[in-house]
Amino acid sequence: MKSITNIHTKVKFYWPLFKSLQTGLLLLTGLAGFMGTRCPVSNWQTVLALTSSLFLAISGSTILNMWYDRDIDAAMERTRKRPLPSGQVSPREALRLGLLFATVGVVWAVTLDALYGLIVFSGLFFDVVIYTIWLKRRTPWSIIWGGVSGGMPALAGRALGTGQIEWVGVALALAVLFWIPTHIMTFSLRYREDYRQAGVPTFPAAYGERATRLIIAISSVLAALMVAAAAFGIGLTIGYLRLMAVLSVGLLLLAIRSSTTPSEKLNFGLFKYASLYMLSVMLLFIFV
C-alpha cells in the first residue's frame, strides 16, 4: 500500500513537467498531418508508433526546457510552484527523464522512417537548443524559432504519410508557426510583470503593447490563411470548410478587436480562443 502511495505521489510531482495541454495539442498537429494521407484503420500500427514517438520527443523537449528554465520559473509568481523550482523534483531527476524521453522518441522516429525522424529531431533541436538555451533570454524574436519547432510535429506527420516534404505539410507547419505569436504574445501581455521580474525579453516590453497587438492580429490572419491552404490541399469538403471558416472568422474578429479596443479580459479571451481554434482545426483534419 505504501509503495502505491509513493508511486502516486511521484506521478503527481512529475506530471506538470509534461505540460499535458501543450504536449497534447502539438501531438494532435502531428496526427492531423498524418491522417490526411493514410487510412488510420488500416494503418493503426503506424498511427500508434507516430503517437508514441511524438509524445516521447515532445515531452522530452518540454521537460528539458523546464529543467533549463528552472531559475526563470523560480523568479515568476505564476510558475514558482512548478515541480523544479518548488523542489518537488530534483534537477538531476528532471534532466535524466527529459534526456530519456527525448532520446527514445527520436530513435523510435528514425527507425520508423528516416525523414520523419529527421524532422522530429529538428523540432527538438530548435526548441531546446535554439529557442530555449540560445535565444529565449536574449531576444523576444526567439518565439519565431519556438514557432518553427512547434510546426515540426505537423510537418513530420505529413512527411510520414506521404514520404516527402510537400506544400501541404509546409502549410500546416506555417499555420502553427503563425498561430504561436497569437498564443504566446497574448500570454506575455497578461503576465508582463512576471516576465520583467525574470528578465525574459518580450514583445510588449521591447516594442510596446500597441505594436504587439498589431503583430497578434497579423499573425492570426496568416495562421487562418495557412489553415485554409492546408484544408484545400487535404481536400476537405464544403461542409468542413464552412465550419473552419467560422472558426477562423472568430479568431480574426477577436484579434482585430483586441488590437483596436484592448482590454485584459479581451486579451485573455483571445488567448483561450486561439488554443481552442487550433485544437478544433486539428480535430477537423484528423476526423475528416
Protein backbone atom coordinates (compact mmCIF):
# COMPACT_ATOMS: atom_id res chain seq x y z
CA MET A 1 0.00 0.00 0.00
CA LYS A 2 2.83 2.36 0.89
CA SER A 3 4.59 1.68 -2.44
CA ILE A 4 1.39 2.51 -4.35
CA THR A 5 1.09 5.76 -2.42
CA ASN A 6 4.73 6.62 -3.24
CA ILE A 7 4.16 5.94 -6.94
CA HIS A 8 1.05 8.11 -6.91
CA THR A 9 2.99 10.92 -5.25
CA LYS A 10 5.82 10.64 -7.78
CA VAL A 11 3.39 10.76 -10.71
CA LYS A 12 1.67 13.77 -9.15
CA PHE A 13 5.01 15.60 -8.93
CA TYR A 14 6.23 14.60 -12.39
CA TRP A 15 3.02 15.18 -14.33
CA PRO A 16 3.28 19.01 -14.55
CA LEU A 17 6.69 18.58 -16.22
CA PHE A 18 4.93 17.25 -19.31
CA LYS A 19 2.71 20.34 -19.79
CA SER A 20 -0.05 17.97 -20.86
CA LEU A 21 -2.24 20.55 -22.65
CA GLN A 22 0.65 21.90 -24.73
CA THR A 23 2.02 18.43 -25.44
CA GLY A 24 -1.43 17.13 -26.34
CA LEU A 25 -2.07 19.97 -28.78
CA LEU A 26 1.28 19.51 -30.54
CA LEU A 27 0.64 15.77 -30.70
CA LEU A 28 -2.70 16.45 -32.38
CA THR A 29 -0.97 18.54 -35.05
CA GLY A 30 1.26 15.57 -35.87
CA LEU A 31 -1.74 13.25 -36.11
CA ALA A 32 -3.57 15.81 -38.24
CA GLY A 33 -0.66 15.88 -40.68
CA PHE A 34 -0.67 12.09 -40.97
CA MET A 35 -4.42 11.37 -41.02
CA GLY A 36 -4.98 13.29 -44.23
CA THR A 37 -2.65 10.93 -46.11
CA ARG A 38 -3.44 7.43 -44.79
CA CYS A 39 -6.45 5.48 -43.58
CA PRO A 40 -5.98 5.29 -39.77
CA VAL A 41 -7.87 1.98 -39.52
CA SER A 42 -5.67 0.04 -41.92
CA ASN A 43 -2.53 1.77 -40.64
CA TRP A 44 -3.22 1.61 -36.91
CA GLN A 45 0.28 0.28 -36.14
CA THR A 46 1.81 3.35 -37.79
CA VAL A 47 -0.63 5.65 -36.00
CA LEU A 48 0.36 4.07 -32.68
CA ALA A 49 4.08 4.41 -33.46
CA LEU A 50 3.61 8.02 -34.58
CA THR A 51 1.66 8.87 -31.44
CA SER A 52 4.16 7.21 -29.11
CA SER A 53 7.33 8.57 -30.71
CA LEU A 54 5.95 12.10 -30.97
CA PHE A 55 4.69 12.03 -27.40
CA LEU A 56 8.09 10.97 -26.10
CA ALA A 57 10.00 13.51 -28.22
CA ILE A 58 7.68 16.41 -27.38
CA SER A 59 7.55 15.50 -23.68
CA GLY A 60 11.33 15.11 -23.54
CA SER A 61 11.78 18.51 -25.15
CA THR A 62 9.32 20.09 -22.71
CA ILE A 63 10.99 18.56 -19.66
CA LEU A 64 14.45 19.66 -20.84
CA ASN A 65 13.13 23.19 -21.32
CA MET A 66 11.71 23.23 -17.80
CA TRP A 67 14.99 21.86 -16.46
CA TYR A 68 16.97 24.66 -18.14
CA ASP A 69 14.45 27.39 -17.24
CA ARG A 70 14.03 26.42 -13.58
CA ASP A 71 15.69 29.65 -12.45
CA ILE A 72 13.27 31.69 -14.56
CA ASP A 73 10.32 29.73 -13.20
CA ALA A 74 11.53 30.37 -9.65
CA ALA A 75 11.51 34.12 -10.29
CA MET A 76 7.94 34.24 -11.64
CA GLU A 77 4.87 34.19 -9.42
CA ARG A 78 2.93 32.19 -11.99
CA THR A 79 5.48 29.34 -12.23
CA ARG A 80 7.35 29.21 -8.91
CA LYS A 81 5.21 26.30 -7.68
CA ARG A 82 6.20 24.06 -10.59
CA PRO A 83 7.98 20.80 -9.61
CA LEU A 84 11.54 22.01 -10.22
CA PRO A 85 11.57 25.48 -8.60
CA SER A 86 9.47 24.18 -5.69
CA GLY A 87 11.92 21.32 -5.06
CA GLN A 88 9.37 18.54 -5.61
CA VAL A 89 11.57 17.13 -8.39
CA SER A 90 15.37 17.47 -8.40
CA PRO A 91 17.16 18.95 -11.44
CA ARG A 92 19.07 15.67 -11.89
CA GLU A 93 15.85 13.64 -11.99
CA ALA A 94 14.27 16.02 -14.50
CA LEU A 95 17.37 16.05 -16.72
CA ARG A 96 17.54 12.26 -16.80
CA LEU A 97 13.85 11.91 -17.58
CA GLY A 98 13.99 14.56 -20.29
CA LEU A 99 17.03 13.01 -21.98
CA LEU A 100 15.47 9.54 -21.76
CA PHE A 101 12.17 10.58 -23.31
CA ALA A 102 13.82 12.73 -25.99
CA THR A 103 16.33 10.03 -26.97
CA VAL A 104 13.80 7.19 -27.11
CA GLY A 105 11.34 9.37 -29.03
CA VAL A 106 13.85 10.42 -31.68
CA VAL A 107 15.36 6.93 -32.06
CA TRP A 108 11.89 5.43 -32.42
CA ALA A 109 11.02 8.08 -35.02
CA VAL A 110 14.18 7.39 -37.04
CA THR A 111 13.55 3.63 -37.04
CA LEU A 112 10.01 4.28 -38.22
CA ASP A 113 11.12 6.48 -41.13
CA ALA A 114 14.36 8.39 -41.70
CA LEU A 115 12.74 11.60 -42.98
CA TYR A 116 10.15 11.57 -40.23
CA GLY A 117 12.86 11.03 -37.64
CA LEU A 118 14.97 13.88 -39.03
CA ILE A 119 12.05 16.30 -38.77
CA VAL A 120 11.23 15.17 -35.23
CA PHE A 121 14.87 15.65 -34.22
CA SER A 122 14.92 19.08 -35.89
CA GLY A 123 11.88 20.15 -33.89
CA LEU A 124 13.51 19.05 -30.64
CA PHE A 125 16.80 20.76 -31.55
CA PHE A 126 15.13 24.05 -32.47
CA ASP A 127 13.03 24.00 -29.30
CA VAL A 128 15.69 23.10 -26.75
CA VAL A 129 18.94 24.41 -28.22
CA ILE A 130 17.98 27.34 -30.49
CA TYR A 131 14.90 28.67 -28.70
CA THR A 132 15.38 27.87 -25.01
CA ILE A 133 19.14 27.76 -24.49
CA TRP A 134 20.38 30.26 -27.08
CA LEU A 135 17.69 32.90 -27.77
CA LYS A 136 14.93 32.99 -25.14
CA ARG A 137 16.92 35.09 -22.67
CA ARG A 138 18.41 37.30 -25.38
CA THR A 139 15.64 38.47 -27.72
CA PRO A 140 11.84 38.49 -27.97
CA TRP A 141 12.26 37.24 -31.54
CA SER A 142 13.07 33.85 -30.06
CA ILE A 143 9.37 32.99 -30.40
CA ILE A 144 9.87 32.70 -34.16
CA TRP A 145 12.19 29.76 -33.60
CA GLY A 146 9.84 28.43 -30.98
CA GLY A 147 7.18 28.59 -33.67
CA VAL A 148 9.37 26.70 -36.11
CA SER A 149 9.79 23.89 -33.59
CA GLY A 150 6.06 23.99 -32.86
CA GLY A 151 5.29 23.40 -36.54
CA MET A 152 7.57 20.38 -36.84
CA PRO A 153 5.12 17.73 -35.50
CA ALA A 154 2.58 18.64 -38.20
CA LEU A 155 5.28 18.57 -40.88
CA ALA A 156 6.63 15.27 -39.51
CA GLY A 157 3.21 13.61 -39.53
CA ARG A 158 2.56 14.70 -43.09
CA ALA A 159 6.02 13.56 -44.21
CA LEU A 160 5.48 10.15 -42.62
CA GLY A 161 2.25 9.76 -44.57
CA THR A 162 3.50 10.98 -47.95
CA GLY A 163 7.17 10.03 -47.76
CA GLN A 164 8.26 13.55 -48.65
CA ILE A 165 8.11 17.20 -47.64
CA GLU A 166 5.41 18.82 -49.78
CA TRP A 167 3.46 22.05 -49.71
CA VAL A 168 0.51 20.84 -47.62
CA GLY A 169 2.84 19.78 -44.81
CA VAL A 170 4.64 23.11 -45.02
CA ALA A 171 1.28 24.94 -44.88
CA LEU A 172 0.31 23.00 -41.76
CA ALA A 173 3.66 23.83 -40.13
CA LEU A 174 3.28 27.51 -41.07
CA ALA A 175 -0.24 27.55 -39.62
CA VAL A 176 1.22 26.52 -36.26
CA LEU A 177 4.16 28.93 -36.67
CA PHE A 178 1.83 31.90 -37.25
CA TRP A 179 -0.57 30.77 -34.51
CA ILE A 180 2.15 30.71 -31.86
CA PRO A 181 2.64 34.54 -31.69
CA THR A 182 -1.10 34.87 -31.01
CA HIS A 183 -0.78 32.28 -28.26
CA ILE A 184 2.46 33.48 -26.66
CA MET A 185 2.11 37.25 -27.10
CA THR A 186 -1.34 37.38 -25.52
CA PHE A 187 0.15 35.41 -22.64
CA SER A 188 3.10 37.79 -22.32
CA LEU A 189 0.69 40.75 -22.26
CA ARG A 190 -1.22 39.18 -19.37
CA TYR A 191 1.90 38.27 -17.38
CA ARG A 192 4.19 41.10 -18.47
CA GLU A 193 5.30 41.82 -14.89
CA ASP A 194 6.30 38.19 -14.30
CA TYR A 195 8.46 38.17 -17.42
CA ARG A 196 10.02 41.52 -16.43
CA GLN A 197 10.97 40.19 -13.00
CA ALA A 198 12.50 37.07 -14.55
CA GLY A 199 14.47 39.12 -17.10
CA VAL A 200 12.88 37.42 -20.11
CA PRO A 201 12.60 39.81 -23.10
CA THR A 202 9.11 40.04 -24.58
CA PHE A 203 7.49 41.97 -27.42
CA PRO A 204 5.36 44.13 -25.08
CA ALA A 205 8.49 45.21 -23.19
CA ALA A 206 10.61 45.75 -26.31
CA TYR A 207 8.10 47.26 -28.76
CA GLY A 208 5.10 48.29 -26.67
CA GLU A 209 1.60 46.90 -26.31
CA ARG A 210 0.17 48.57 -29.42
CA ALA A 211 2.77 47.04 -31.74
CA THR A 212 2.39 43.67 -30.01
CA ARG A 213 -1.39 43.66 -30.54
CA LEU A 214 -0.90 44.58 -34.19
CA ILE A 215 1.52 41.65 -34.63
CA ILE A 216 -1.02 39.36 -32.96
CA ALA A 217 -3.69 40.47 -35.44
CA ILE A 218 -1.39 39.98 -38.44
CA SER A 219 -0.20 36.57 -37.27
CA SER A 220 -3.81 35.48 -36.73
CA VAL A 221 -4.64 36.40 -40.32
CA LEU A 222 -1.63 34.48 -41.60
CA ALA A 223 -2.47 31.45 -39.45
CA ALA A 224 -6.03 31.39 -40.82
CA LEU A 225 -4.73 31.64 -44.40
CA MET A 226 -2.33 28.75 -43.88
CA VAL A 227 -5.09 26.65 -42.32
CA ALA A 228 -7.28 27.36 -45.36
CA ALA A 229 -4.47 26.41 -47.73
CA ALA A 230 -3.84 23.14 -45.89
CA ALA A 231 -7.57 22.35 -45.82
CA PHE A 232 -7.76 22.88 -49.59
CA GLY A 233 -4.69 20.70 -50.15
CA ILE A 234 -6.05 17.89 -47.98
CA GLY A 235 -9.36 18.06 -49.83
CA LEU A 236 -11.86 18.96 -47.12
CA THR A 237 -15.47 19.04 -48.29
CA ILE A 238 -17.50 22.24 -48.39
CA GLY A 239 -19.21 21.47 -45.06
CA TYR A 240 -15.92 21.17 -43.22
CA LEU A 241 -14.58 24.25 -45.00
CA ARG A 242 -17.57 26.30 -43.86
CA LEU A 243 -17.07 25.23 -40.26
CA MET A 244 -13.38 26.05 -40.49
CA ALA A 245 -14.22 29.45 -41.96
CA VAL A 246 -16.50 30.22 -38.99
CA LEU A 247 -13.72 29.27 -36.56
CA SER A 248 -11.20 31.40 -38.47
CA VAL A 249 -13.51 34.43 -38.60
CA GLY A 250 -13.94 34.19 -34.83
CA LEU A 251 -10.17 34.25 -34.36
CA LEU A 252 -9.73 37.19 -36.71
CA LEU A 253 -12.51 39.27 -35.13
CA LEU A 254 -11.11 38.70 -31.64
CA ALA A 255 -7.58 39.57 -32.79
CA ILE A 256 -8.72 42.76 -34.54
CA ARG A 257 -10.90 43.86 -31.64
CA SER A 258 -8.06 43.18 -29.20
CA SER A 259 -5.86 45.41 -31.34
CA THR A 260 -8.35 48.28 -31.67
CA THR A 261 -10.04 48.22 -28.24
CA PRO A 262 -7.59 46.42 -25.95
CA SER A 263 -8.52 45.13 -22.52
CA GLU A 264 -7.21 42.48 -20.15
CA LYS A 265 -10.44 40.49 -20.42
CA LEU A 266 -10.43 40.57 -24.22
CA ASN A 267 -6.74 39.71 -24.36
CA PHE A 268 -7.19 36.62 -22.17
CA GLY A 269 -10.27 35.66 -24.19
CA LEU A 270 -8.17 35.74 -27.34
CA PHE A 271 -5.51 33.60 -25.65
CA LYS A 272 -8.13 30.98 -24.74
CA TYR A 273 -9.85 31.09 -28.12
CA ALA A 274 -6.57 30.75 -30.02
CA SER A 275 -5.89 27.44 -28.27
CA LEU A 276 -9.48 26.28 -28.86
CA TYR A 277 -9.19 27.32 -32.51
CA MET A 278 -6.05 25.29 -33.16
CA LEU A 279 -7.47 22.30 -31.27
CA SER A 280 -10.71 22.41 -33.30
CA VAL A 281 -8.95 22.80 -36.63
CA MET A 282 -6.61 19.90 -36.00
CA LEU A 283 -9.51 17.70 -34.89
CA LEU A 284 -11.26 18.51 -38.16
CA PHE A 285 -8.15 17.46 -40.08
CA ILE A 286 -7.97 14.23 -38.08
CA PHE A 287 -11.59 13.18 -38.39
CA VAL A 288 -12.33 14.44 -41.91
